[in-house]
């Protein structure tokens, strides 16, 4: 099947499928005319990649997971290790997002939200930018 059909069946955009081929995640056969010819196994791999990416795994993680999936002698420990590392990264990101939310909530509460031009939100952002400028010149 062609890339359009593969896109429809896998749920991925054709551009993403071509990118995955470019970086070596999939390698569809080529028809006599040089066009890609996706098999049902290719569709399965694409669906695997779609699910892994939807879970937030990086391309490198996907490459490792795909290799482990193909390796029937794999140790499930290896897969678990990748997933656990990903959960740790997600937890760190959640902490960062919670910190951002707390800071923004504090700034929103400090902002009167009226017709006056002074705004603690902009003052905070500008202050951080000025501090970064000072660090860059030191």
N, C-alpha and C. Protein backbone atom coordinates (compact mmCIF):
# COMPACT_ATOMS: atom_id res chain seq x y z
N UNK A 1 0.84 -1.18 0.00
CA UNK A 1 0.00 0.00 0.00
C UNK A 1 0.88 1.25 0.00
N UNK A 2 0.36 2.34 -0.48
CA UNK A 2 1.13 3.58 -0.57
C UNK A 2 1.10 4.34 0.75
N UNK A 3 1.81 5.45 0.80
CA UNK A 3 1.93 6.20 2.05
C UNK A 3 0.60 6.77 2.50
N UNK A 4 -0.25 7.15 1.58
CA UNK A 4 -1.57 7.66 1.95
C UNK A 4 -2.41 6.60 2.64
N UNK A 5 -2.38 5.39 2.08
CA UNK A 5 -3.11 4.27 2.70
C UNK A 5 -2.50 3.93 4.06
N UNK A 6 -1.17 3.94 4.13
CA UNK A 6 -0.49 3.64 5.40
C UNK A 6 -0.85 4.69 6.45
N UNK A 7 -0.96 5.93 6.02
CA UNK A 7 -1.34 7.00 6.94
C UNK A 7 -2.76 6.77 7.47
N UNK A 8 -3.66 6.44 6.58
CA UNK A 8 -5.05 6.20 6.99
C UNK A 8 -5.15 5.01 7.94
N UNK A 9 -4.42 3.96 7.66
CA UNK A 9 -4.51 2.74 8.48
C UNK A 9 -3.77 2.86 9.81
N UNK A 10 -2.69 3.64 9.83
CA UNK A 10 -1.89 3.74 11.06
C UNK A 10 -2.32 4.90 11.96
N UNK A 11 -3.03 5.87 11.38
CA UNK A 11 -3.43 7.04 12.14
C UNK A 11 -2.35 8.09 12.24
N UNK A 12 -1.30 7.96 11.45
CA UNK A 12 -0.21 8.93 11.44
C UNK A 12 -0.25 9.74 10.15
N UNK A 13 0.17 11.00 10.20
CA UNK A 13 0.27 11.77 8.96
C UNK A 13 1.36 11.20 8.04
N UNK A 14 1.15 11.33 6.74
CA UNK A 14 2.13 10.84 5.77
C UNK A 14 3.50 11.46 6.02
N UNK A 15 3.52 12.73 6.40
CA UNK A 15 4.79 13.41 6.66
C UNK A 15 5.54 12.74 7.81
N UNK A 16 4.83 12.33 8.84
CA UNK A 16 5.45 11.64 9.98
C UNK A 16 5.99 10.29 9.55
N UNK A 17 5.23 9.59 8.74
CA UNK A 17 5.67 8.28 8.24
C UNK A 17 6.96 8.43 7.45
N UNK A 18 7.01 9.42 6.58
CA UNK A 18 8.23 9.65 5.79
C UNK A 18 9.41 10.00 6.71
N UNK A 19 9.14 10.79 7.73
CA UNK A 19 10.19 11.14 8.70
C UNK A 19 10.70 9.89 9.42
N UNK A 20 9.80 9.04 9.86
CA UNK A 20 10.21 7.80 10.53
C UNK A 20 11.07 6.94 9.61
N UNK A 21 10.75 6.95 8.33
CA UNK A 21 11.59 6.20 7.39
C UNK A 21 12.96 6.88 7.26
N UNK A 22 12.96 8.19 7.17
CA UNK A 22 14.21 8.95 7.02
C UNK A 22 15.18 8.69 8.17
N UNK A 23 14.65 8.56 9.39
CA UNK A 23 15.52 8.35 10.55
C UNK A 23 15.71 6.87 10.88
N UNK A 24 15.17 6.01 10.04
CA UNK A 24 15.43 4.58 10.18
C UNK A 24 14.54 3.81 11.14
N UNK A 25 13.41 4.39 11.55
CA UNK A 25 12.51 3.65 12.43
C UNK A 25 11.70 2.60 11.67
N UNK A 26 11.43 2.87 10.42
CA UNK A 26 10.76 1.89 9.57
C UNK A 26 11.49 1.85 8.23
N UNK A 27 11.32 0.74 7.54
CA UNK A 27 11.98 0.59 6.23
C UNK A 27 11.04 -0.16 5.30
N UNK A 28 10.05 0.54 4.73
CA UNK A 28 9.13 -0.15 3.83
C UNK A 28 9.83 -0.60 2.56
N UNK A 29 9.27 -1.63 1.98
CA UNK A 29 9.80 -2.11 0.69
C UNK A 29 9.52 -1.05 -0.37
N UNK A 30 10.19 -1.19 -1.49
CA UNK A 30 9.95 -0.30 -2.63
C UNK A 30 9.37 -1.11 -3.77
N UNK A 31 8.35 -0.57 -4.38
CA UNK A 31 7.75 -1.21 -5.55
C UNK A 31 8.68 -1.01 -6.74
N UNK A 32 8.39 -1.67 -7.83
CA UNK A 32 9.21 -1.56 -9.03
C UNK A 32 9.34 -0.14 -9.53
N UNK A 33 8.34 0.68 -9.28
CA UNK A 33 8.38 2.08 -9.72
C UNK A 33 9.10 2.99 -8.72
N UNK A 34 9.62 2.41 -7.63
CA UNK A 34 10.36 3.18 -6.64
C UNK A 34 9.51 3.72 -5.51
N UNK A 35 8.20 3.58 -5.62
CA UNK A 35 7.32 4.05 -4.56
C UNK A 35 7.40 3.14 -3.35
N UNK A 36 7.18 3.73 -2.19
CA UNK A 36 7.14 2.93 -0.97
C UNK A 36 5.94 1.98 -1.04
N UNK A 37 6.15 0.78 -0.51
CA UNK A 37 5.09 -0.22 -0.49
C UNK A 37 4.98 -0.75 0.93
N UNK A 38 4.03 -0.21 1.69
CA UNK A 38 3.89 -0.55 3.10
C UNK A 38 3.13 -1.86 3.28
N UNK A 39 3.68 -2.72 4.11
CA UNK A 39 3.06 -4.01 4.41
C UNK A 39 2.23 -3.89 5.69
N UNK A 40 1.51 -4.95 6.00
CA UNK A 40 0.75 -4.96 7.26
C UNK A 40 1.70 -4.91 8.46
N UNK A 41 2.89 -5.50 8.33
CA UNK A 41 3.89 -5.39 9.41
C UNK A 41 4.34 -3.94 9.59
N UNK A 42 4.51 -3.22 8.48
CA UNK A 42 4.87 -1.80 8.57
C UNK A 42 3.78 -1.02 9.29
N UNK A 43 2.53 -1.32 8.97
CA UNK A 43 1.40 -0.63 9.62
C UNK A 43 1.41 -0.92 11.11
N UNK A 44 1.69 -2.16 11.47
CA UNK A 44 1.76 -2.52 12.88
C UNK A 44 2.88 -1.74 13.58
N UNK A 45 4.04 -1.63 12.94
CA UNK A 45 5.15 -0.86 13.51
C UNK A 45 4.78 0.62 13.65
N UNK A 46 4.10 1.14 12.65
CA UNK A 46 3.68 2.55 12.71
C UNK A 46 2.68 2.77 13.85
N UNK A 47 1.76 1.84 14.03
CA UNK A 47 0.80 1.95 15.13
C UNK A 47 1.52 1.86 16.47
N UNK A 48 2.52 1.00 16.55
CA UNK A 48 3.35 0.87 17.75
C UNK A 48 4.02 2.21 18.05
N UNK A 49 4.61 2.81 17.03
CA UNK A 49 5.28 4.10 17.20
C UNK A 49 4.29 5.20 17.58
N UNK A 50 3.12 5.18 16.97
CA UNK A 50 2.10 6.18 17.30
C UNK A 50 1.73 6.09 18.78
N UNK A 51 1.51 4.87 19.25
CA UNK A 51 1.14 4.69 20.66
C UNK A 51 2.28 5.13 21.58
N UNK A 52 3.50 4.74 21.26
CA UNK A 52 4.65 5.11 22.08
C UNK A 52 4.81 6.63 22.13
N UNK A 53 4.67 7.28 20.99
CA UNK A 53 4.79 8.74 20.95
C UNK A 53 3.65 9.40 21.71
N UNK A 54 2.43 8.82 21.60
CA UNK A 54 1.30 9.36 22.35
C UNK A 54 1.52 9.25 23.86
N UNK A 55 2.30 8.26 24.27
CA UNK A 55 2.65 8.13 25.68
C UNK A 55 3.81 9.04 26.07
N UNK A 56 4.34 9.78 25.09
CA UNK A 56 5.37 10.76 25.36
C UNK A 56 6.80 10.26 25.25
N UNK A 57 6.99 9.03 24.77
CA UNK A 57 8.35 8.52 24.62
C UNK A 57 9.07 9.31 23.54
N UNK A 58 10.35 9.55 23.75
CA UNK A 58 11.17 10.25 22.77
C UNK A 58 11.43 9.35 21.56
N UNK A 59 11.94 9.93 20.51
CA UNK A 59 12.30 9.13 19.33
C UNK A 59 13.34 8.09 19.70
N UNK A 60 14.33 8.48 20.50
CA UNK A 60 15.36 7.51 20.91
C UNK A 60 14.75 6.38 21.73
N UNK A 61 13.83 6.73 22.65
CA UNK A 61 13.14 5.69 23.41
C UNK A 61 12.36 4.78 22.47
N UNK A 62 11.68 5.37 21.50
CA UNK A 62 10.91 4.57 20.53
C UNK A 62 11.82 3.62 19.77
N UNK A 63 12.99 4.10 19.41
CA UNK A 63 13.95 3.25 18.70
C UNK A 63 14.33 2.05 19.58
N UNK A 64 14.60 2.32 20.85
CA UNK A 64 14.96 1.24 21.78
C UNK A 64 13.78 0.29 22.01
N UNK A 65 12.60 0.86 22.21
CA UNK A 65 11.42 0.02 22.43
C UNK A 65 11.11 -0.85 21.21
N UNK A 66 11.27 -0.27 20.03
CA UNK A 66 11.02 -1.04 18.80
C UNK A 66 12.02 -2.18 18.69
N UNK A 67 13.28 -1.92 19.00
CA UNK A 67 14.30 -2.97 18.96
C UNK A 67 13.98 -4.06 19.98
N UNK A 68 13.56 -3.66 21.16
CA UNK A 68 13.21 -4.65 22.18
C UNK A 68 11.97 -5.44 21.77
N UNK A 69 11.02 -4.77 21.14
CA UNK A 69 9.80 -5.45 20.68
C UNK A 69 10.14 -6.54 19.65
N UNK A 70 11.06 -6.21 18.77
CA UNK A 70 11.47 -7.18 17.73
C UNK A 70 12.30 -8.32 18.30
N UNK A 71 12.99 -8.08 19.41
CA UNK A 71 13.89 -9.07 20.01
C UNK A 71 13.11 -9.98 20.94
N UNK A 72 12.79 -11.16 20.47
CA UNK A 72 11.99 -12.10 21.27
C UNK A 72 12.77 -12.65 22.47
N UNK A 73 14.08 -12.45 22.50
CA UNK A 73 14.88 -12.91 23.65
C UNK A 73 15.12 -11.78 24.65
N UNK A 74 14.39 -10.68 24.49
CA UNK A 74 14.57 -9.51 25.35
C UNK A 74 14.23 -9.85 26.80
N UNK A 75 14.77 -9.05 27.68
CA UNK A 75 14.40 -9.13 29.10
C UNK A 75 13.39 -8.01 29.36
N UNK A 76 12.27 -8.35 29.98
CA UNK A 76 11.26 -7.33 30.24
C UNK A 76 11.82 -6.23 31.14
N UNK A 77 12.86 -6.55 31.88
CA UNK A 77 13.52 -5.55 32.73
C UNK A 77 13.99 -4.36 31.89
N UNK A 78 14.50 -4.64 30.70
CA UNK A 78 15.00 -3.56 29.84
C UNK A 78 13.87 -2.61 29.44
N UNK A 79 12.72 -3.19 29.13
CA UNK A 79 11.56 -2.38 28.74
C UNK A 79 11.08 -1.57 29.95
N UNK A 80 11.01 -2.25 31.07
CA UNK A 80 10.56 -1.59 32.30
C UNK A 80 11.48 -0.42 32.67
N UNK A 81 12.77 -0.59 32.48
CA UNK A 81 13.74 0.46 32.79
C UNK A 81 13.49 1.71 31.95
N UNK A 82 13.23 1.52 30.67
CA UNK A 82 12.93 2.65 29.79
C UNK A 82 11.66 3.35 30.24
N UNK A 83 10.62 2.56 30.53
CA UNK A 83 9.34 3.13 30.95
C UNK A 83 9.48 3.85 32.29
N UNK A 84 10.22 3.27 33.22
CA UNK A 84 10.40 3.90 34.54
C UNK A 84 11.16 5.22 34.42
N UNK A 85 12.17 5.26 33.56
CA UNK A 85 12.91 6.50 33.34
C UNK A 85 11.99 7.56 32.75
N UNK A 86 11.10 7.14 31.87
CA UNK A 86 10.16 8.07 31.26
C UNK A 86 9.19 8.62 32.31
N UNK A 87 8.71 7.76 33.19
CA UNK A 87 7.82 8.20 34.27
C UNK A 87 8.54 9.22 35.15
N UNK A 88 9.80 8.98 35.46
CA UNK A 88 10.57 9.93 36.26
C UNK A 88 10.66 11.29 35.57
N UNK A 89 10.88 11.27 34.27
CA UNK A 89 10.95 12.52 33.51
C UNK A 89 9.59 13.23 33.51
N UNK A 90 8.52 12.46 33.40
CA UNK A 90 7.17 13.05 33.45
C UNK A 90 6.93 13.68 34.81
N UNK A 91 7.30 12.98 35.86
CA UNK A 91 7.11 13.51 37.22
C UNK A 91 7.88 14.81 37.41
N UNK A 92 9.09 14.89 36.88
CA UNK A 92 9.88 16.12 36.98
C UNK A 92 9.18 17.25 36.22
N UNK A 93 8.67 16.94 35.04
CA UNK A 93 7.95 17.94 34.24
C UNK A 93 6.71 18.42 34.98
N UNK A 94 5.99 17.50 35.62
CA UNK A 94 4.81 17.87 36.40
C UNK A 94 5.20 18.83 37.53
N UNK A 95 6.31 18.53 38.21
CA UNK A 95 6.78 19.43 39.28
C UNK A 95 7.09 20.82 38.72
N UNK A 96 7.74 20.86 37.57
CA UNK A 96 8.06 22.15 36.94
C UNK A 96 6.78 22.90 36.59
N UNK A 97 5.81 22.20 36.02
CA UNK A 97 4.54 22.84 35.64
C UNK A 97 3.78 23.33 36.87
N UNK A 98 3.80 22.55 37.95
CA UNK A 98 3.13 22.98 39.17
C UNK A 98 3.79 24.23 39.74
N UNK A 99 5.11 24.30 39.66
CA UNK A 99 5.82 25.48 40.12
C UNK A 99 5.46 26.69 39.28
N UNK A 100 5.38 26.51 37.96
CA UNK A 100 4.98 27.60 37.08
C UNK A 100 3.57 28.07 37.41
N UNK A 101 2.67 27.11 37.64
CA UNK A 101 1.29 27.45 37.97
C UNK A 101 1.23 28.26 39.26
N UNK A 102 1.96 27.82 40.27
CA UNK A 102 1.97 28.53 41.56
C UNK A 102 2.48 29.95 41.39
N UNK A 103 3.56 30.11 40.65
CA UNK A 103 4.12 31.44 40.40
C UNK A 103 3.12 32.32 39.67
N UNK A 104 2.52 31.78 38.62
CA UNK A 104 1.55 32.56 37.85
C UNK A 104 0.32 32.91 38.68
N UNK A 105 -0.15 31.98 39.51
CA UNK A 105 -1.30 32.28 40.36
C UNK A 105 -0.98 33.41 41.33
N UNK A 106 0.22 33.40 41.88
CA UNK A 106 0.65 34.47 42.78
C UNK A 106 0.70 35.81 42.04
N UNK A 107 1.25 35.79 40.84
CA UNK A 107 1.33 37.03 40.05
C UNK A 107 -0.05 37.52 39.65
N UNK A 108 -0.94 36.61 39.29
CA UNK A 108 -2.30 36.99 38.91
C UNK A 108 -3.02 37.64 40.10
N UNK A 109 -2.82 37.07 41.28
CA UNK A 109 -3.45 37.65 42.47
C UNK A 109 -2.89 39.04 42.78
N UNK A 110 -1.63 39.27 42.45
CA UNK A 110 -1.01 40.57 42.71
C UNK A 110 -1.41 41.62 41.67
N UNK A 111 -1.90 41.18 40.53
CA UNK A 111 -2.27 42.11 39.46
C UNK A 111 -3.71 42.59 39.68
N UNK A 112 -3.90 43.90 39.67
CA UNK A 112 -5.23 44.46 39.90
C UNK A 112 -6.17 44.20 38.73
N UNK A 113 -5.63 44.05 37.55
CA UNK A 113 -6.46 43.79 36.38
C UNK A 113 -7.41 44.93 36.05
N UNK A 114 -6.95 46.14 36.28
CA UNK A 114 -7.79 47.31 36.01
C UNK A 114 -7.20 48.13 34.87
N UNK A 115 -7.53 49.39 34.82
CA UNK A 115 -7.06 50.25 33.73
C UNK A 115 -5.69 50.86 33.98
N UNK A 116 -5.11 50.59 35.16
CA UNK A 116 -3.79 51.15 35.45
C UNK A 116 -2.73 50.41 34.64
N UNK A 117 -1.65 51.11 34.27
CA UNK A 117 -0.63 50.48 33.44
C UNK A 117 0.32 49.55 34.21
N UNK A 118 0.45 49.76 35.53
CA UNK A 118 1.40 48.92 36.27
C UNK A 118 0.84 47.49 36.39
N UNK A 119 1.75 46.53 36.22
CA UNK A 119 1.32 45.13 36.21
C UNK A 119 2.43 44.27 36.81
N UNK A 120 2.19 43.62 37.93
CA UNK A 120 3.20 42.77 38.55
C UNK A 120 3.64 41.60 37.66
N UNK A 121 2.76 41.17 36.80
CA UNK A 121 3.10 40.05 35.91
C UNK A 121 4.21 40.49 34.95
N UNK A 122 4.00 41.64 34.30
CA UNK A 122 5.01 42.15 33.37
C UNK A 122 6.28 42.55 34.11
N UNK A 123 6.12 43.12 35.31
CA UNK A 123 7.30 43.50 36.10
C UNK A 123 8.15 42.27 36.43
N UNK A 124 7.51 41.18 36.79
CA UNK A 124 8.24 39.95 37.11
C UNK A 124 8.97 39.42 35.88
N UNK A 125 8.27 39.39 34.75
CA UNK A 125 8.90 38.88 33.51
C UNK A 125 10.06 39.77 33.11
N UNK A 126 9.85 41.09 33.17
CA UNK A 126 10.92 42.03 32.81
C UNK A 126 12.09 41.91 33.78
N UNK A 127 11.80 41.73 35.06
CA UNK A 127 12.87 41.58 36.05
C UNK A 127 13.71 40.35 35.79
N UNK A 128 13.08 39.25 35.42
CA UNK A 128 13.82 38.03 35.10
C UNK A 128 14.66 38.23 33.85
N UNK A 129 14.12 38.95 32.87
CA UNK A 129 14.87 39.20 31.64
C UNK A 129 16.08 40.08 31.93
N UNK A 130 15.91 41.08 32.79
CA UNK A 130 17.04 41.96 33.14
C UNK A 130 18.11 41.19 33.89
N UNK A 131 17.69 40.30 34.79
CA UNK A 131 18.66 39.48 35.53
C UNK A 131 19.44 38.59 34.58
N UNK A 132 18.77 38.04 33.59
CA UNK A 132 19.46 37.20 32.60
C UNK A 132 20.44 38.02 31.78
N UNK A 133 20.05 39.25 31.44
CA UNK A 133 20.96 40.14 30.70
C UNK A 133 22.21 40.43 31.52
N UNK A 134 22.03 40.68 32.82
CA UNK A 134 23.18 40.96 33.69
C UNK A 134 24.10 39.74 33.77
N UNK A 135 23.54 38.55 33.88
CA UNK A 135 24.36 37.34 33.94
C UNK A 135 25.11 37.13 32.63
N UNK A 136 24.51 37.50 31.53
CA UNK A 136 25.15 37.30 30.22
C UNK A 136 26.33 38.24 30.02
N UNK A 137 26.31 39.39 30.68
CA UNK A 137 27.40 40.35 30.49
C UNK A 137 28.50 40.19 31.52
N UNK A 138 28.31 39.32 32.49
CA UNK A 138 29.34 39.12 33.54
C UNK A 138 30.37 38.14 33.09
